Protein backbone atom coordinates (compact mmCIF):
# COMPACT_ATOMS: atom_id res chain seq x y z
CA MET A 1 -0.09 0.08 -0.02
CA ILE A 2 1.43 3.42 -0.90
CA ALA A 3 1.96 5.69 1.99
CA PRO A 4 -0.70 8.72 2.07
CA ARG A 5 2.03 11.37 1.92
CA ILE A 6 3.74 9.75 -1.25
CA ARG A 7 0.35 9.44 -2.97
CA ILE A 8 -0.35 13.00 -2.31
CA VAL A 9 3.30 13.87 -4.01
CA LEU A 10 2.38 11.47 -7.02
CA LEU A 11 -1.23 13.36 -7.23
CA ALA A 12 0.63 16.52 -7.57
CA ALA A 13 3.14 15.34 -10.20
CA ALA A 14 0.41 13.78 -12.16
CA LEU A 15 -1.51 16.86 -12.14
CA ILE A 16 1.17 18.99 -13.52
CA ALA A 17 2.24 16.56 -16.01
CA SER A 18 -1.47 16.35 -17.12
CA ALA A 19 -1.93 20.21 -17.16
CA ALA A 20 0.82 20.18 -19.69
CA ALA A 21 -0.60 17.45 -21.95
CA ALA A 22 -3.97 18.36 -21.81
CA GLU A 23 -4.27 18.46 -25.64
CA ALA A 24 -2.59 14.76 -25.88
CA ALA A 25 -4.50 12.05 -28.16
CA PRO A 26 -6.73 9.54 -26.60
CA ALA A 27 -4.76 7.10 -24.73
CA ARG A 28 -4.34 3.73 -26.19
CA PRO A 29 -4.46 0.19 -24.35
CA VAL A 30 -1.03 -0.66 -22.54
CA ARG A 31 0.90 -3.05 -24.62
CA LEU A 32 1.66 -6.10 -22.22
CA SER A 33 4.01 -9.11 -22.41
CA ALA A 34 2.51 -12.55 -21.89
CA ALA A 35 4.01 -12.59 -18.55
CA SER A 36 2.63 -9.27 -17.31
CA LEU A 37 -0.71 -10.04 -18.44
CA ASP A 38 -0.78 -13.66 -16.81
CA SER A 39 0.18 -11.57 -13.59
CA LEU A 40 -2.58 -8.97 -14.19
CA LYS A 41 -5.00 -11.54 -14.53
CA ALA A 42 -4.11 -13.95 -11.72
CA ALA A 43 -4.30 -10.63 -9.28
CA HIS A 44 -7.83 -9.91 -10.99
CA MET A 45 -9.00 -13.08 -10.03
CA LYS A 46 -7.76 -12.95 -6.51
CA ASP A 47 -9.37 -9.53 -6.26
CA ILE A 48 -12.50 -11.08 -7.44
CA GLU A 49 -12.40 -14.09 -4.83
CA GLU A 50 -11.46 -11.79 -1.93
CA THR A 51 -14.68 -9.66 -2.86
CA ARG A 52 -16.96 -12.63 -2.97
CA THR A 53 -15.54 -13.72 0.45
CA TRP A 54 -16.23 -10.43 2.04
CA LEU A 55 -19.66 -10.05 0.68
CA ALA A 56 -20.58 -13.65 2.06
CA ASN A 57 -18.71 -13.35 5.55
CA SER A 58 -17.83 -9.93 6.55
CA PRO A 59 -19.76 -8.43 9.43
CA THR A 60 -20.07 -5.17 7.59
CA SER A 61 -20.95 -6.94 4.27
CA TYR A 62 -23.48 -4.99 2.42
CA LEU A 63 -25.95 -7.77 2.69
CA ALA A 64 -25.45 -7.69 6.53
CA ALA A 65 -26.86 -4.12 6.39
CA VAL A 66 -30.28 -4.02 8.11
CA GLY A 67 -31.16 -0.41 8.82
CA ARG A 68 -30.16 3.26 8.23
CA VAL A 69 -31.38 6.81 9.52
CA ASP A 70 -30.31 9.90 7.98
CA PHE A 71 -29.85 12.62 10.51
CA GLY A 72 -31.57 15.20 8.19
CA GLU A 73 -32.23 18.30 10.15
CA LYS A 74 -31.24 16.62 13.60
CA ARG A 75 -28.09 16.73 15.30
CA VAL A 76 -28.75 13.96 17.82
CA LEU A 77 -29.91 10.32 17.34
CA VAL A 78 -30.59 7.95 19.68
CA VAL A 79 -29.97 4.28 19.18
CA GLY A 80 -32.08 1.81 21.13
CA SER A 81 -34.86 -1.04 21.27
CA GLY A 82 -37.52 1.19 22.31
CA ALA A 83 -40.34 2.66 20.44
CA GLY A 84 -39.08 5.85 20.50
CA ALA A 85 -35.37 5.26 19.44
CA ASP A 86 -34.48 6.96 15.90
CA LEU A 87 -32.62 3.71 15.09
CA ARG A 88 -34.34 0.83 16.52
CA VAL A 89 -32.55 -2.60 17.32
CA ASP A 90 -34.59 -5.10 18.30
CA ALA A 91 -32.45 -7.03 20.67
CA PRO A 92 -32.60 -8.11 24.35
CA THR A 93 -28.99 -6.91 24.87
CA ILE A 94 -29.98 -3.35 23.34
CA ALA A 95 -31.58 -1.00 25.91
CA ALA A 96 -34.68 1.02 25.12
CA GLU A 97 -32.43 4.23 24.88
CA HIS A 98 -29.00 2.57 24.52
CA LEU A 99 -26.77 5.42 22.48
CA ARG A 100 -27.03 9.00 21.80
CA VAL A 101 -24.83 9.87 18.61
CA THR A 102 -24.38 13.69 17.97
CA VAL A 103 -22.79 15.18 14.78
CA VAL A 104 -20.09 17.47 15.72
CA GLY A 105 -18.40 18.90 12.48
CA ASP A 106 -16.73 16.08 10.57
CA SER A 107 -17.04 13.76 13.58
CA PHE A 108 -19.21 11.81 15.86
CA TRP A 109 -19.96 12.32 19.61
CA VAL A 110 -20.89 8.76 21.04
CA GLN A 111 -22.35 8.69 24.37
CA ALA A 112 -23.81 5.78 26.42
CA ILE A 113 -27.31 6.26 27.78
CA ALA A 114 -27.90 2.76 29.67
CA PRO A 115 -25.40 1.67 31.85
CA GLU A 116 -24.38 -1.45 30.33
CA ALA A 117 -24.21 0.46 26.71
CA ALA A 118 -20.58 0.95 25.06
CA VAL A 119 -19.22 0.68 21.64
CA MET A 120 -15.68 -0.54 20.28
CA SER A 121 -13.51 1.41 18.36
CA GLY A 122 -11.06 -0.77 17.35
CA GLU A 123 -9.65 -2.52 20.66
CA ARG A 124 -11.01 0.47 22.68
CA GLU A 125 -14.33 0.77 24.69
CA VAL A 126 -15.88 4.01 24.15
CA ARG A 127 -18.56 5.26 26.30
CA ASP A 128 -18.45 8.81 25.99
CA GLY A 129 -16.19 10.04 23.36
CA ILE A 130 -15.60 11.86 19.61
CA LEU A 131 -15.05 9.34 17.00
CA PRO A 132 -14.44 9.78 13.17
CA PRO A 133 -16.52 8.57 10.66
CA GLY A 134 -16.19 4.71 10.54
CA THR A 135 -17.65 1.45 12.09
CA VAL A 136 -18.03 0.52 15.61
CA GLY A 137 -18.81 -2.57 17.58
CA MET A 138 -22.06 -2.76 19.33
CA GLY A 139 -22.36 -6.50 20.62
CA ARG A 140 -22.98 -8.65 17.63
CA TYR A 141 -24.02 -5.47 15.57
CA ARG A 142 -22.11 -3.06 13.92
CA LEU A 143 -22.73 0.82 13.71
CA ARG A 144 -21.54 2.60 10.82
CA LEU A 145 -21.02 6.51 11.34
CA SER A 146 -21.38 7.43 8.02
CA HIS A 147 -20.66 11.30 7.25
CA GLN A 148 -20.49 12.31 3.53
CA ARG A 149 -21.54 15.87 4.67
CA PHE A 150 -25.28 13.77 4.50
CA PRO A 151 -24.73 12.22 8.25
CA ALA A 152 -26.61 8.89 8.83
CA LEU A 153 -26.17 5.78 11.27
CA ILE A 154 -26.28 2.50 9.12
CA LEU A 155 -26.88 -0.85 11.54
CA PHE A 156 -25.32 -4.24 10.55
CA ASP A 157 -26.27 -7.42 11.82
CA PRO A 158 -24.28 -10.41 10.84
CA GLN A 159 -27.28 -12.59 11.41
CA GLY A 160 -29.51 -10.41 9.36
CA PRO A 161 -32.12 -11.77 6.81
CA HIS A 162 -30.24 -11.20 3.77
CA VAL A 163 -26.79 -12.56 4.87
CA LYS A 164 -27.31 -15.84 3.48
CA ASP A 165 -29.17 -14.73 0.27
CA ALA A 166 -27.83 -16.57 -2.77
CA VAL A 167 -26.25 -13.42 -4.39
CA ARG A 168 -24.05 -13.79 -7.18
CA GLN A 169 -21.20 -11.47 -8.34
CA ASP A 170 -19.85 -11.87 -11.94
CA TRP A 171 -17.37 -9.83 -14.01
CA PHE A 172 -16.51 -9.83 -17.62
CA ALA A 173 -13.00 -11.60 -18.45
CA TYR A 174 -9.95 -9.77 -17.96
CA ASP A 175 -9.40 -7.68 -21.13
CA PRO A 176 -6.08 -5.86 -21.63
CA ARG A 177 -7.75 -3.48 -24.18
CA TYR A 178 -9.13 -1.65 -20.99
CA ARG A 179 -5.96 -0.94 -19.36
CA PHE A 180 -4.67 2.33 -19.76
CA GLU A 181 -1.69 4.39 -18.81
CA ALA A 182 -3.34 7.63 -19.38
CA THR A 183 -2.90 11.36 -18.89
CA LEU A 184 -5.34 13.29 -17.18
CA ALA A 185 -6.17 16.62 -18.85
CA ALA A 186 -6.27 18.68 -15.59
CA ASP A 187 -7.85 22.11 -14.98
CA ALA A 188 -5.42 24.38 -13.89
CA SER A 189 -7.97 25.23 -10.87
CA PRO A 190 -10.03 22.35 -10.33
CA ASP A 191 -13.89 23.43 -10.48
CA THR A 192 -16.01 22.54 -7.61
CA VAL A 193 -19.12 20.64 -8.91
CA ILE A 194 -22.37 19.10 -7.61
CA ILE A 195 -22.84 15.35 -7.79
CA GLN A 196 -26.35 13.63 -7.49
CA SER A 197 -26.63 10.98 -4.91
CA THR A 198 -29.31 7.98 -4.67
CA ARG A 199 -30.61 9.39 -1.41
CA GLY A 200 -31.66 12.56 -3.28
CA ASN A 201 -29.14 14.90 -1.64
CA GLU A 202 -26.05 16.70 -3.54
CA ARG A 203 -22.39 16.12 -2.97
CA ARG A 204 -19.73 18.54 -3.54
CA ALA A 205 -16.56 17.10 -5.47
CA LEU A 206 -13.76 18.69 -7.12
CA ARG A 207 -13.63 18.04 -10.97
CA MET A 208 -9.86 17.18 -11.10
CA GLY A 209 -9.78 16.73 -15.08
CA VAL A 210 -10.86 14.64 -18.02
CA PHE A 211 -9.19 11.16 -19.15
CA GLU A 212 -9.47 10.39 -23.05
CA LEU A 213 -9.33 6.65 -23.54
CA ALA A 214 -9.33 4.88 -27.16
CA LEU A 215 -11.73 1.87 -26.11
CA PRO A 216 -12.38 -1.11 -28.36
CA THR A 217 -15.76 -0.02 -28.71
CA GLY A 218 -14.69 3.88 -29.59
CA LYS A 219 -13.65 7.07 -27.84
CA ALA A 220 -14.38 7.81 -24.17
CA ARG A 221 -14.20 10.90 -22.44
CA LEU A 222 -14.46 10.59 -18.62
CA GLU A 223 -14.40 13.28 -15.75
CA ALA A 224 -12.43 12.40 -12.73
CA HIS A 225 -13.56 13.77 -9.29
CA ARG A 226 -12.56 13.90 -5.84
CA LEU A 227 -15.14 14.18 -3.20
CA LEU A 228 -15.13 16.88 -0.72
CA GLU A 229 -16.05 14.75 2.46
CA PRO A 230 -14.66 13.47 5.69
CA GLY A 231 -12.69 10.30 5.18
CA VAL A 232 -11.61 11.21 1.39
CA GLY A 233 -7.97 11.99 0.99
CA GLU A 234 -6.37 14.35 -1.14
CA ALA A 235 -4.87 11.75 -3.38
CA ASP A 236 -8.20 10.08 -3.75
CA VAL A 237 -9.57 10.27 -7.45
CA SER A 238 -12.60 8.47 -8.70
CA VAL A 239 -14.72 7.94 -11.78
CA PHE A 240 -18.33 7.37 -11.53
CA PHE A 241 -19.94 6.41 -15.20
CA ARG A 242 -22.32 5.01 -17.06
CA ASP A 243 -22.03 3.15 -20.64
CA ALA A 244 -24.15 1.20 -23.01
CA THR A 245 -24.20 -1.91 -20.73
CA SER A 246 -25.92 -0.13 -17.89
CA ASP A 247 -29.17 -1.55 -16.95
CA ARG A 248 -28.50 -4.48 -19.29
CA GLU A 249 -25.31 -6.33 -18.25
CA THR A 250 -24.52 -4.06 -15.43
CA TYR A 251 -25.86 -2.20 -12.66
CA GLY A 252 -28.29 0.62 -13.92
CA VAL A 253 -27.02 3.34 -11.44
CA GLY A 254 -23.67 3.16 -12.88
CA ARG A 255 -20.12 1.85 -11.96
CA TYR A 256 -16.85 3.15 -10.44
CA VAL A 257 -13.10 3.06 -11.06
CA ASP A 258 -10.38 4.53 -9.07
CA PRO A 259 -7.38 5.60 -11.19
CA GLU A 260 -4.02 5.29 -9.63
CA ALA A 261 -1.40 8.14 -9.81
CA MET A 262 1.90 6.91 -11.62
CA PRO A 263 5.22 8.39 -10.60
CA ASP A 264 5.80 9.84 -14.17
CA GLY A 265 2.60 11.75 -14.07
CA ARG A 266 0.47 9.55 -15.69
CA TRP A 267 -2.45 7.38 -14.37
CA ILE A 268 -3.38 3.89 -14.50
CA VAL A 269 -7.16 3.45 -15.70
CA ASP A 270 -7.98 -0.05 -15.52
CA LEU A 271 -11.71 -0.64 -16.47
CA ASN A 272 -11.38 -4.24 -15.76
CA HIS A 273 -11.39 -2.99 -12.19
CA ALA A 274 -14.59 -1.12 -12.23
CA TYR A 275 -16.84 -2.17 -9.53
CA ASN A 276 -20.44 -1.65 -8.47
CA PRO A 277 -21.39 0.68 -5.75
CA ALA A 278 -22.98 -0.55 -2.51
CA CYS A 279 -26.09 0.38 -3.67
CA ALA A 280 -26.29 -2.60 -5.98
CA PHE A 281 -26.57 -4.37 -3.05
CA SER A 282 -28.55 -2.86 -0.35
CA PRO A 283 -30.93 0.12 -0.03
CA HIS A 284 -29.22 1.42 2.95
CA TYR A 285 -26.41 3.28 1.23
CA ASN A 286 -25.85 6.81 -0.56
CA CYS A 287 -24.25 6.69 -3.90
CA PRO A 288 -22.72 9.02 -6.29
CA ILE A 289 -24.64 8.97 -9.61
CA PRO A 290 -22.72 9.44 -12.73
CA SER A 291 -23.01 12.91 -14.39
CA LYS A 292 -24.42 13.25 -17.88
CA ALA A 293 -20.72 13.86 -19.07
CA ASN A 294 -19.56 10.58 -17.87
CA THR A 295 -22.66 8.85 -19.50
CA LEU A 296 -20.97 6.90 -22.29
CA LYS A 297 -22.65 5.70 -25.59
CA VAL A 298 -20.15 3.08 -26.02
CA ALA A 299 -19.95 0.06 -24.42
CA VAL A 300 -17.68 -0.80 -21.36
CA ARG A 301 -17.23 -4.75 -21.56
CA ALA A 302 -15.18 -4.70 -18.86
CA GLY A 303 -15.01 -4.85 -14.80
CA GLU A 304 -18.17 -6.04 -12.72
CA LYS A 305 -21.55 -6.97 -14.00
CA SER A 306 -24.88 -6.84 -12.21
CA PRO A 307 -25.25 -8.79 -9.43
CA THR A 308 -28.18 -11.41 -9.35
CA GLY A 309 -30.10 -12.69 -6.22
CA VAL A 310 -30.32 -9.56 -4.36
CA THR A 311 -33.38 -9.47 -2.35
CA GLY A 312 -32.94 -6.64 0.20
CA HIS A 313 -34.00 -3.77 -2.01
């Protein structure tokens, strides 16, 4: 894993190089040796197996999400088993009023109400403390403190009703024609733009620039963004896109891919790693919706396909 400081340096180098090459021709697929291609295919298969294992077994799998409450106009939500709780957890180990969670800037103030209440933040038990966005333990349950400038609490139950659903994930076969080492035609001063989200809210992001790619199905122009939200790093760049396979072979809302900065200022854009947002598996998430600019007329026959067997929506 690349250290955050090094990633930021690589990002800066990539943006400088990209600005100088803004008028470059569309990037063409990387030419790979047979050995390099075999290595990429093996790594891709490993990623797929790890993703499937996580979905089937993780206590915070998308399939384990059983509830969500948005803060909306409120600053405080109560978690508990009682009828008056904002986020209800129907379990004998959870008091009627168990926890109080308050939004404090980019963080959350978690307070135990019941004497037996506490959460686990890593290895640390917390009864009264300020925590960053993330996931905490609450007995058998997990509680996601989700910010995104649209704060919410998401409840996970590893024994929930959809954990054992026969959900099948599938991917297109790895195709080297969708792997690029591309220049990001960067704006001199990145614009702040609005990205719509699946729960109806607007999310602010920086438009970092544009990738021009020569796909096997035609030319593609894709904008890259960095969400302006807690937990998103300075070097985190994402591409949210739809294409001619959306609502057919792939998830209708769209798919995402996360380019990787290279030391020479270019970016690895491997559409074989295009993945579905959490919303493809559960209604308890809030996912960016690709813009019209990133709605391609050509097909991207690479990356993750639409899942089957999802019953939680």
